[in-house]
């Protein structure tokens, strides 16, 4: 079975999310908050500082591709910039672009089951920032979910705007 780490991965650098970097023309930038990936910016992409950062899926690098594609997080893959692969808490790869789009469009192979590994498996999660806006200020608090929740939970509200539910 093919693992996520076996896909066509892109070159990347890791940068802190608190000071958005200028994107180099030849690689992705994975934004982290501490050691937690919160977004990935494609090469030659400029961000609107007033807007939210792109959503991502964070998944274990050794996860079977079909298991990943069948997960709840991948049901929301249409609006993510990339899949950020992690191993032991470290970013080890970025899967994005046409290779990811084709795999998502094709979906998991029918009747294929991933191998069973010992321990508690980490399922893919979608990480995105809240788009709630108040007085021209976007909340932009990061949260991770196994899939799109319904109803939406309360937002962590890191910018201390008025209390609100997370805005997808």
N, C-alpha and C. Protein backbone atom coordinates (compact mmCIF):
# COMPACT_ATOMS: atom_id res chain seq x y z
N UNK A 1 0.83 -1.18 0.00
CA UNK A 1 0.00 0.00 0.00
C UNK A 1 0.88 1.25 0.00
N UNK A 2 0.48 2.24 -0.74
CA UNK A 2 1.23 3.48 -0.82
C UNK A 2 0.91 4.36 0.39
N UNK A 3 1.94 4.93 0.96
CA UNK A 3 1.77 5.86 2.08
C UNK A 3 1.78 7.29 1.54
N UNK A 4 1.28 8.21 2.34
CA UNK A 4 1.29 9.61 1.94
C UNK A 4 2.70 10.09 1.60
N UNK A 5 3.71 9.62 2.36
CA UNK A 5 5.08 10.05 2.10
C UNK A 5 5.59 9.59 0.74
N UNK A 6 4.90 8.64 0.10
CA UNK A 6 5.31 8.13 -1.22
C UNK A 6 4.74 8.95 -2.37
N UNK A 7 3.93 9.95 -2.08
CA UNK A 7 3.32 10.76 -3.13
C UNK A 7 4.33 11.78 -3.65
N UNK A 8 3.94 12.48 -4.69
CA UNK A 8 4.81 13.50 -5.28
C UNK A 8 4.85 14.71 -4.35
N UNK A 9 5.84 14.75 -3.46
CA UNK A 9 5.95 15.80 -2.45
C UNK A 9 6.73 16.99 -2.99
N UNK A 10 6.46 18.15 -2.42
CA UNK A 10 7.10 19.39 -2.85
C UNK A 10 8.15 19.83 -1.85
N UNK A 11 9.12 20.62 -2.31
CA UNK A 11 10.09 21.22 -1.41
C UNK A 11 9.38 22.23 -0.52
N UNK A 12 9.87 22.38 0.71
CA UNK A 12 9.23 23.30 1.65
C UNK A 12 10.23 23.83 2.65
N UNK A 13 9.86 24.91 3.29
CA UNK A 13 10.57 25.44 4.46
C UNK A 13 9.51 25.66 5.53
N UNK A 14 9.94 25.70 6.78
CA UNK A 14 9.04 25.93 7.90
C UNK A 14 9.31 27.33 8.46
N UNK A 15 8.25 28.06 8.76
CA UNK A 15 8.39 29.40 9.32
C UNK A 15 7.32 29.61 10.39
N UNK A 16 7.61 30.47 11.34
CA UNK A 16 6.65 30.80 12.38
C UNK A 16 5.46 31.55 11.81
N UNK A 17 4.28 31.24 12.31
CA UNK A 17 3.06 31.85 11.80
C UNK A 17 2.86 33.28 12.30
N UNK A 18 3.60 33.69 13.32
CA UNK A 18 3.38 35.02 13.89
C UNK A 18 3.89 36.14 12.99
N UNK A 19 4.87 35.86 12.15
CA UNK A 19 5.35 36.89 11.21
C UNK A 19 5.38 36.27 9.82
N UNK A 20 4.31 36.55 9.07
CA UNK A 20 4.17 35.94 7.76
C UNK A 20 5.34 36.31 6.86
N UNK A 21 6.02 35.31 6.30
CA UNK A 21 7.20 35.55 5.47
C UNK A 21 6.82 35.87 4.03
N UNK A 22 7.80 36.38 3.31
CA UNK A 22 7.66 36.51 1.87
C UNK A 22 7.91 35.12 1.30
N UNK A 23 7.06 34.69 0.40
CA UNK A 23 7.14 33.33 -0.11
C UNK A 23 8.23 33.22 -1.16
N UNK A 24 9.19 32.31 -0.98
CA UNK A 24 10.19 32.09 -2.02
C UNK A 24 9.51 31.53 -3.27
N UNK A 25 10.05 31.82 -4.45
CA UNK A 25 9.38 31.41 -5.67
C UNK A 25 9.43 29.92 -5.95
N UNK A 26 10.26 29.18 -5.23
CA UNK A 26 10.49 27.79 -5.62
C UNK A 26 10.05 26.73 -4.61
N UNK A 27 9.37 27.11 -3.54
CA UNK A 27 8.99 26.11 -2.54
C UNK A 27 7.81 26.58 -1.70
N UNK A 28 7.18 25.64 -1.03
CA UNK A 28 6.09 25.92 -0.10
C UNK A 28 6.67 26.46 1.20
N UNK A 29 5.86 27.21 1.93
CA UNK A 29 6.19 27.59 3.30
C UNK A 29 5.11 26.99 4.19
N UNK A 30 5.53 26.19 5.15
CA UNK A 30 4.61 25.64 6.15
C UNK A 30 4.68 26.56 7.36
N UNK A 31 3.55 27.16 7.71
CA UNK A 31 3.49 28.03 8.87
C UNK A 31 3.18 27.19 10.10
N UNK A 32 3.94 27.41 11.16
CA UNK A 32 3.74 26.66 12.40
C UNK A 32 3.51 27.62 13.55
N UNK A 33 2.72 27.16 14.50
CA UNK A 33 2.50 27.85 15.76
C UNK A 33 3.11 26.94 16.80
N UNK A 34 4.31 27.29 17.28
CA UNK A 34 5.07 26.35 18.10
C UNK A 34 5.58 25.25 17.19
N UNK A 35 5.14 24.02 17.45
CA UNK A 35 5.50 22.92 16.54
C UNK A 35 4.28 22.40 15.77
N UNK A 36 3.18 23.14 15.84
CA UNK A 36 1.93 22.71 15.20
C UNK A 36 1.73 23.39 13.85
N UNK A 37 1.67 22.62 12.74
CA UNK A 37 1.41 23.23 11.44
C UNK A 37 0.01 23.84 11.41
N UNK A 38 -0.08 25.10 10.92
CA UNK A 38 -1.37 25.78 10.87
C UNK A 38 -1.76 26.22 9.46
N UNK A 39 -0.81 26.24 8.53
CA UNK A 39 -1.12 26.62 7.15
C UNK A 39 0.06 26.28 6.26
N UNK A 40 -0.18 26.29 4.96
CA UNK A 40 0.89 26.11 3.98
C UNK A 40 0.62 27.07 2.83
N UNK A 41 1.65 27.77 2.43
CA UNK A 41 1.52 28.76 1.38
C UNK A 41 2.28 28.27 0.16
N UNK A 42 1.58 28.22 -0.97
CA UNK A 42 2.17 27.73 -2.21
C UNK A 42 3.23 28.69 -2.72
N UNK A 43 4.17 28.17 -3.52
CA UNK A 43 5.19 29.04 -4.12
C UNK A 43 4.54 30.21 -4.87
N UNK A 44 5.22 31.34 -4.86
CA UNK A 44 4.81 32.60 -5.51
C UNK A 44 3.40 33.06 -5.15
N UNK A 45 2.93 32.74 -3.96
CA UNK A 45 1.62 33.18 -3.50
C UNK A 45 1.80 34.33 -2.51
N UNK A 46 1.08 35.38 -2.71
CA UNK A 46 1.09 36.50 -1.78
C UNK A 46 -0.19 36.46 -0.97
N UNK A 47 -0.06 36.63 0.33
CA UNK A 47 -1.23 36.60 1.20
C UNK A 47 -1.77 38.00 1.43
N UNK A 48 -3.08 38.08 1.55
CA UNK A 48 -3.73 39.32 1.97
C UNK A 48 -3.63 39.35 3.49
N UNK A 49 -2.90 40.29 4.07
CA UNK A 49 -2.74 40.31 5.53
C UNK A 49 -4.06 40.45 6.27
N UNK A 50 -5.09 40.95 5.61
CA UNK A 50 -6.38 41.11 6.26
C UNK A 50 -7.24 39.86 6.12
N UNK A 51 -6.79 38.88 5.37
CA UNK A 51 -7.57 37.67 5.13
C UNK A 51 -7.05 36.48 5.91
N UNK A 52 -7.79 35.39 5.88
CA UNK A 52 -7.34 34.18 6.57
C UNK A 52 -6.21 33.49 5.79
N UNK A 53 -5.39 32.74 6.50
CA UNK A 53 -4.36 31.95 5.83
C UNK A 53 -5.02 30.70 5.26
N UNK A 54 -4.42 30.08 4.24
CA UNK A 54 -5.04 28.90 3.63
C UNK A 54 -5.19 27.74 4.62
N UNK A 55 -6.28 27.01 4.46
CA UNK A 55 -6.53 25.81 5.27
C UNK A 55 -5.62 24.68 4.77
N UNK A 56 -5.31 23.75 5.66
CA UNK A 56 -4.49 22.58 5.31
C UNK A 56 -5.10 21.33 5.95
N UNK A 57 -4.62 20.20 5.51
CA UNK A 57 -4.87 18.94 6.20
C UNK A 57 -3.52 18.50 6.76
N UNK A 58 -3.50 18.10 8.02
CA UNK A 58 -2.30 17.57 8.65
C UNK A 58 -2.52 16.08 8.85
N UNK A 59 -1.56 15.28 8.36
CA UNK A 59 -1.71 13.83 8.41
C UNK A 59 -0.36 13.16 8.67
N UNK A 60 -0.39 11.98 9.29
CA UNK A 60 0.87 11.25 9.49
C UNK A 60 1.45 10.81 8.15
N UNK A 61 2.74 10.95 8.00
CA UNK A 61 3.41 10.63 6.74
C UNK A 61 3.25 9.17 6.33
N UNK A 62 3.13 8.26 7.30
CA UNK A 62 3.03 6.84 7.00
C UNK A 62 1.60 6.36 6.77
N UNK A 63 0.63 7.26 6.84
CA UNK A 63 -0.77 6.87 6.64
C UNK A 63 -0.98 6.40 5.21
N UNK A 64 -1.73 5.32 5.05
CA UNK A 64 -2.07 4.80 3.74
C UNK A 64 -2.88 5.84 2.96
N UNK A 65 -2.56 6.02 1.69
CA UNK A 65 -3.22 7.02 0.86
C UNK A 65 -4.73 6.78 0.81
N UNK A 66 -5.15 5.53 0.60
CA UNK A 66 -6.59 5.26 0.52
C UNK A 66 -7.29 5.54 1.84
N UNK A 67 -6.65 5.22 2.96
CA UNK A 67 -7.24 5.53 4.26
C UNK A 67 -7.36 7.05 4.43
N UNK A 68 -6.35 7.78 4.00
CA UNK A 68 -6.40 9.24 4.09
C UNK A 68 -7.53 9.80 3.22
N UNK A 69 -7.60 9.34 1.98
CA UNK A 69 -8.61 9.85 1.05
C UNK A 69 -10.04 9.53 1.51
N UNK A 70 -10.20 8.47 2.29
CA UNK A 70 -11.52 8.08 2.80
C UNK A 70 -11.87 8.79 4.10
N UNK A 71 -10.92 9.55 4.67
CA UNK A 71 -11.15 10.21 5.96
C UNK A 71 -12.09 11.41 5.84
N UNK A 72 -12.66 11.79 6.97
CA UNK A 72 -13.56 12.95 7.04
C UNK A 72 -12.84 14.24 6.64
N UNK A 73 -11.58 14.36 7.04
CA UNK A 73 -10.83 15.58 6.71
C UNK A 73 -10.70 15.76 5.20
N UNK A 74 -10.50 14.68 4.47
CA UNK A 74 -10.33 14.79 3.03
C UNK A 74 -11.65 15.12 2.32
N UNK A 75 -12.77 14.98 3.01
CA UNK A 75 -14.04 15.39 2.43
C UNK A 75 -14.06 16.91 2.25
N UNK A 76 -13.21 17.62 2.98
CA UNK A 76 -13.11 19.09 2.88
C UNK A 76 -11.87 19.51 2.10
N UNK A 77 -11.26 18.60 1.37
CA UNK A 77 -9.99 18.87 0.69
C UNK A 77 -10.11 19.88 -0.45
N UNK A 78 -11.29 20.15 -0.93
CA UNK A 78 -11.45 21.07 -2.06
C UNK A 78 -10.96 22.48 -1.74
N UNK A 79 -11.00 22.88 -0.47
CA UNK A 79 -10.57 24.24 -0.16
C UNK A 79 -9.32 24.31 0.72
N UNK A 80 -8.50 23.26 0.68
CA UNK A 80 -7.22 23.30 1.40
C UNK A 80 -6.10 23.57 0.42
N UNK A 81 -5.03 24.19 0.91
CA UNK A 81 -3.90 24.48 0.03
C UNK A 81 -3.00 23.26 -0.15
N UNK A 82 -2.91 22.42 0.88
CA UNK A 82 -1.99 21.29 0.81
C UNK A 82 -2.26 20.32 1.95
N UNK A 83 -1.62 19.17 1.87
CA UNK A 83 -1.57 18.21 2.97
C UNK A 83 -0.16 18.30 3.54
N UNK A 84 -0.07 18.61 4.82
CA UNK A 84 1.22 18.70 5.50
C UNK A 84 1.44 17.38 6.22
N UNK A 85 2.54 16.72 5.91
CA UNK A 85 2.84 15.41 6.48
C UNK A 85 3.74 15.57 7.70
N UNK A 86 3.40 14.86 8.76
CA UNK A 86 4.18 14.91 9.99
C UNK A 86 4.61 13.52 10.41
N UNK A 87 5.75 13.49 11.08
CA UNK A 87 6.28 12.24 11.64
C UNK A 87 6.91 12.61 12.98
N UNK A 88 6.42 12.03 14.05
CA UNK A 88 6.91 12.30 15.40
C UNK A 88 6.89 13.80 15.71
N UNK A 89 5.82 14.49 15.28
CA UNK A 89 5.66 15.90 15.58
C UNK A 89 6.47 16.85 14.71
N UNK A 90 7.15 16.32 13.70
CA UNK A 90 7.97 17.14 12.82
C UNK A 90 7.39 17.15 11.42
N UNK A 91 7.37 18.31 10.77
CA UNK A 91 6.91 18.40 9.39
C UNK A 91 7.95 17.72 8.50
N UNK A 92 7.48 16.74 7.70
CA UNK A 92 8.40 15.99 6.84
C UNK A 92 8.05 16.08 5.36
N UNK A 93 6.93 16.71 5.02
CA UNK A 93 6.57 16.81 3.61
C UNK A 93 5.34 17.65 3.38
N UNK A 94 5.19 18.09 2.12
CA UNK A 94 4.02 18.84 1.68
C UNK A 94 3.54 18.21 0.38
N UNK A 95 2.27 17.84 0.37
CA UNK A 95 1.65 17.27 -0.83
C UNK A 95 0.59 18.26 -1.28
N UNK A 96 0.78 18.83 -2.46
CA UNK A 96 -0.16 19.80 -2.99
C UNK A 96 -0.15 19.79 -4.50
N UNK A 97 -0.81 20.76 -5.07
CA UNK A 97 -0.81 20.91 -6.52
C UNK A 97 -1.62 19.85 -7.24
N UNK A 98 -1.32 19.65 -8.54
CA UNK A 98 -2.10 18.72 -9.37
C UNK A 98 -2.11 17.28 -8.85
N UNK A 99 -1.02 16.82 -8.27
CA UNK A 99 -0.97 15.45 -7.75
C UNK A 99 -2.02 15.25 -6.67
N UNK A 100 -2.13 16.20 -5.74
CA UNK A 100 -3.14 16.12 -4.69
C UNK A 100 -4.55 16.26 -5.28
N UNK A 101 -4.74 17.24 -6.15
CA UNK A 101 -6.06 17.45 -6.76
C UNK A 101 -6.54 16.20 -7.49
N UNK A 102 -5.65 15.55 -8.23
CA UNK A 102 -6.01 14.33 -8.96
C UNK A 102 -6.39 13.20 -8.01
N UNK A 103 -5.61 13.03 -6.95
CA UNK A 103 -5.89 11.97 -5.98
C UNK A 103 -7.23 12.19 -5.29
N UNK A 104 -7.52 13.44 -4.92
CA UNK A 104 -8.78 13.76 -4.25
C UNK A 104 -9.95 13.52 -5.21
N UNK A 105 -9.79 13.94 -6.46
CA UNK A 105 -10.86 13.74 -7.45
C UNK A 105 -11.11 12.26 -7.70
N UNK A 106 -10.06 11.47 -7.72
CA UNK A 106 -10.18 10.03 -7.96
C UNK A 106 -10.74 9.30 -6.74
N UNK A 107 -10.38 9.75 -5.55
CA UNK A 107 -10.86 9.13 -4.32
C UNK A 107 -10.11 7.85 -3.99
N UNK A 108 -10.48 7.22 -2.88
CA UNK A 108 -9.80 5.99 -2.47
C UNK A 108 -10.15 4.83 -3.38
N UNK A 109 -9.22 3.88 -3.49
CA UNK A 109 -9.49 2.66 -4.27
C UNK A 109 -10.59 1.88 -3.57
N UNK A 110 -11.48 1.32 -4.32
CA UNK A 110 -12.60 0.56 -3.75
C UNK A 110 -12.10 -0.78 -3.20
N UNK A 111 -12.58 -1.11 -2.01
CA UNK A 111 -12.27 -2.41 -1.42
C UNK A 111 -10.87 -2.54 -0.87
N UNK A 112 -10.09 -1.46 -0.86
CA UNK A 112 -8.73 -1.52 -0.35
C UNK A 112 -8.74 -1.07 1.10
N UNK A 113 -8.09 -1.85 1.95
CA UNK A 113 -8.01 -1.50 3.36
C UNK A 113 -6.56 -1.30 3.73
N UNK A 114 -6.31 -0.28 4.54
CA UNK A 114 -4.94 -0.02 4.99
C UNK A 114 -4.50 -1.04 6.02
N UNK A 115 -3.20 -1.10 6.23
CA UNK A 115 -2.66 -2.03 7.22
C UNK A 115 -3.00 -1.53 8.62
N UNK A 116 -3.06 -2.44 9.56
CA UNK A 116 -3.36 -2.09 10.94
C UNK A 116 -2.04 -2.01 11.69
N UNK A 117 -1.76 -0.84 12.27
CA UNK A 117 -0.52 -0.63 12.99
C UNK A 117 -0.81 -0.61 14.48
N UNK A 118 0.17 -1.04 15.30
CA UNK A 118 -0.03 -0.99 16.74
C UNK A 118 -0.08 0.46 17.23
N UNK A 119 -0.75 0.67 18.36
CA UNK A 119 -0.82 2.00 18.94
C UNK A 119 -2.06 2.74 18.47
N UNK A 120 -2.17 3.98 18.92
CA UNK A 120 -3.31 4.81 18.55
C UNK A 120 -2.97 5.57 17.28
N UNK A 121 -3.69 5.31 16.19
CA UNK A 121 -3.36 6.00 14.95
C UNK A 121 -3.81 7.46 14.99
N UNK A 122 -3.06 8.32 14.31
CA UNK A 122 -3.45 9.72 14.18
C UNK A 122 -4.22 9.84 12.88
N UNK A 123 -5.44 10.31 12.96
CA UNK A 123 -6.23 10.52 11.76
C UNK A 123 -5.91 11.89 11.19
N UNK A 124 -6.09 12.07 9.89
CA UNK A 124 -5.89 13.40 9.32
C UNK A 124 -6.86 14.40 9.94
N UNK A 125 -6.41 15.63 10.09
CA UNK A 125 -7.26 16.71 10.59
C UNK A 125 -7.14 17.89 9.64
N UNK A 126 -8.21 18.65 9.53
CA UNK A 126 -8.18 19.87 8.74
C UNK A 126 -7.90 21.01 9.71
N UNK A 127 -6.95 21.87 9.34
CA UNK A 127 -6.57 23.01 10.18
C UNK A 127 -6.91 24.27 9.39
N UNK A 128 -7.68 25.13 10.02
CA UNK A 128 -8.05 26.37 9.33
C UNK A 128 -8.22 27.49 10.33
N UNK A 129 -8.25 28.71 9.82
CA UNK A 129 -8.41 29.87 10.69
C UNK A 129 -9.84 30.39 10.59
N UNK A 130 -10.31 30.92 11.69
CA UNK A 130 -11.67 31.45 11.77
C UNK A 130 -11.77 32.71 10.91
N UNK A 131 -12.85 32.81 10.14
CA UNK A 131 -13.03 33.96 9.25
C UNK A 131 -13.97 35.02 9.81
N UNK A 132 -14.35 34.90 11.09
CA UNK A 132 -15.19 35.91 11.72
C UNK A 132 -14.48 37.27 11.66
N UNK A 133 -15.24 38.31 11.30
CA UNK A 133 -14.68 39.66 11.20
C UNK A 133 -15.51 40.61 12.05
N UNK A 134 -14.82 41.47 12.78
CA UNK A 134 -15.48 42.48 13.61
C UNK A 134 -14.71 43.78 13.50
N UNK A 135 -15.38 44.82 13.09
CA UNK A 135 -14.74 46.12 12.96
C UNK A 135 -13.54 46.11 12.02
N UNK A 136 -13.60 45.29 10.98
CA UNK A 136 -12.50 45.22 10.01
C UNK A 136 -11.36 44.32 10.44
N UNK A 137 -11.47 43.68 11.61
CA UNK A 137 -10.42 42.78 12.10
C UNK A 137 -10.89 41.34 11.96
N UNK A 138 -10.09 40.52 11.30
CA UNK A 138 -10.43 39.10 11.16
C UNK A 138 -9.93 38.35 12.39
N UNK A 139 -10.72 37.41 12.86
CA UNK A 139 -10.35 36.64 14.04
C UNK A 139 -9.08 35.85 13.79
N UNK A 140 -9.08 35.00 12.77
CA UNK A 140 -7.91 34.22 12.34
C UNK A 140 -7.39 33.24 13.39
N UNK A 141 -8.18 32.88 14.39
CA UNK A 141 -7.75 31.87 15.37
C UNK A 141 -7.73 30.51 14.69
N UNK A 142 -6.68 29.73 14.91
CA UNK A 142 -6.55 28.41 14.30
C UNK A 142 -7.26 27.36 15.14
N UNK A 143 -7.90 26.45 14.44
CA UNK A 143 -8.50 25.28 15.08
C UNK A 143 -8.33 24.09 14.15
N UNK A 144 -8.33 22.91 14.73
CA UNK A 144 -8.24 21.70 13.91
C UNK A 144 -9.45 20.82 14.19
N UNK A 145 -9.91 20.15 13.14
CA UNK A 145 -11.12 19.34 13.20
C UNK A 145 -10.90 18.06 12.39
N UNK A 146 -11.52 16.94 12.80
CA UNK A 146 -11.45 15.73 11.98
C UNK A 146 -12.25 15.88 10.69
N UNK A 147 -13.24 16.75 10.69
CA UNK A 147 -14.09 17.06 9.54
C UNK A 147 -14.83 18.34 9.85
N UNK A 148 -15.66 18.81 8.93
CA UNK A 148 -16.40 20.05 9.16
C UNK A 148 -17.48 19.81 10.21
N UNK A 149 -17.39 20.50 11.36
CA UNK A 149 -18.38 20.25 12.43
C UNK A 149 -19.72 20.91 12.15
N UNK A 150 -20.76 20.29 12.68
CA UNK A 150 -22.09 20.87 12.61
C UNK A 150 -22.81 20.50 13.90
N UNK A 151 -23.17 21.45 14.70
CA UNK A 151 -22.96 22.89 14.57
C UNK A 151 -21.50 23.26 14.85
N UNK A 152 -21.15 24.47 14.49
CA UNK A 152 -19.79 24.95 14.73
C UNK A 152 -19.57 25.17 16.22
N UNK A 153 -18.37 24.82 16.70
CA UNK A 153 -18.05 25.04 18.11
C UNK A 153 -17.70 26.50 18.37
N UNK A 154 -17.57 26.85 19.64
CA UNK A 154 -17.11 28.19 20.01
C UNK A 154 -15.68 28.37 19.50
N UNK A 155 -15.37 29.55 19.07
CA UNK A 155 -14.03 29.86 18.56
C UNK A 155 -13.08 30.12 19.72
N UNK A 156 -11.80 29.73 19.60
CA UNK A 156 -10.83 30.06 20.65
C UNK A 156 -10.60 31.56 20.81
N UNK A 157 -10.91 32.34 19.75
CA UNK A 157 -10.94 33.80 19.81
C UNK A 157 -9.65 34.41 20.36
N UNK A 158 -8.53 34.08 19.74
CA UNK A 158 -7.22 34.54 20.21
C UNK A 158 -7.06 36.05 20.17
N UNK A 159 -7.82 36.73 19.33
CA UNK A 159 -7.70 38.20 19.24
C UNK A 159 -8.69 38.92 20.16
N UNK A 160 -9.41 38.18 20.96
CA UNK A 160 -10.34 38.73 21.96
C UNK A 160 -11.40 39.65 21.34
N UNK A 161 -11.96 39.21 20.21
CA UNK A 161 -13.10 39.90 19.62
C UNK A 161 -14.32 39.49 20.43
N UNK A 162 -15.51 39.95 20.06
CA UNK A 162 -16.68 39.51 20.80
C UNK A 162 -16.83 37.99 20.64
N UNK A 163 -17.43 37.36 21.63
CA UNK A 163 -17.58 35.89 21.60
C UNK A 163 -18.35 35.47 20.35
N UNK A 164 -17.88 34.40 19.73
CA UNK A 164 -18.51 33.93 18.49
C UNK A 164 -18.19 32.46 18.27
N UNK A 165 -19.01 31.82 17.45
CA UNK A 165 -18.72 30.47 17.02
C UNK A 165 -17.67 30.54 15.93
N UNK A 166 -16.96 29.44 15.73
CA UNK A 166 -15.95 29.37 14.68
C UNK A 166 -16.62 29.57 13.33
N UNK A 167 -16.07 30.43 12.49
CA UNK A 167 -16.58 30.67 11.14
C UNK A 167 -15.70 29.94 10.14
N UNK A 168 -16.30 28.99 9.40
CA UNK A 168 -15.60 28.17 8.42
C UNK A 168 -15.22 29.02 7.25
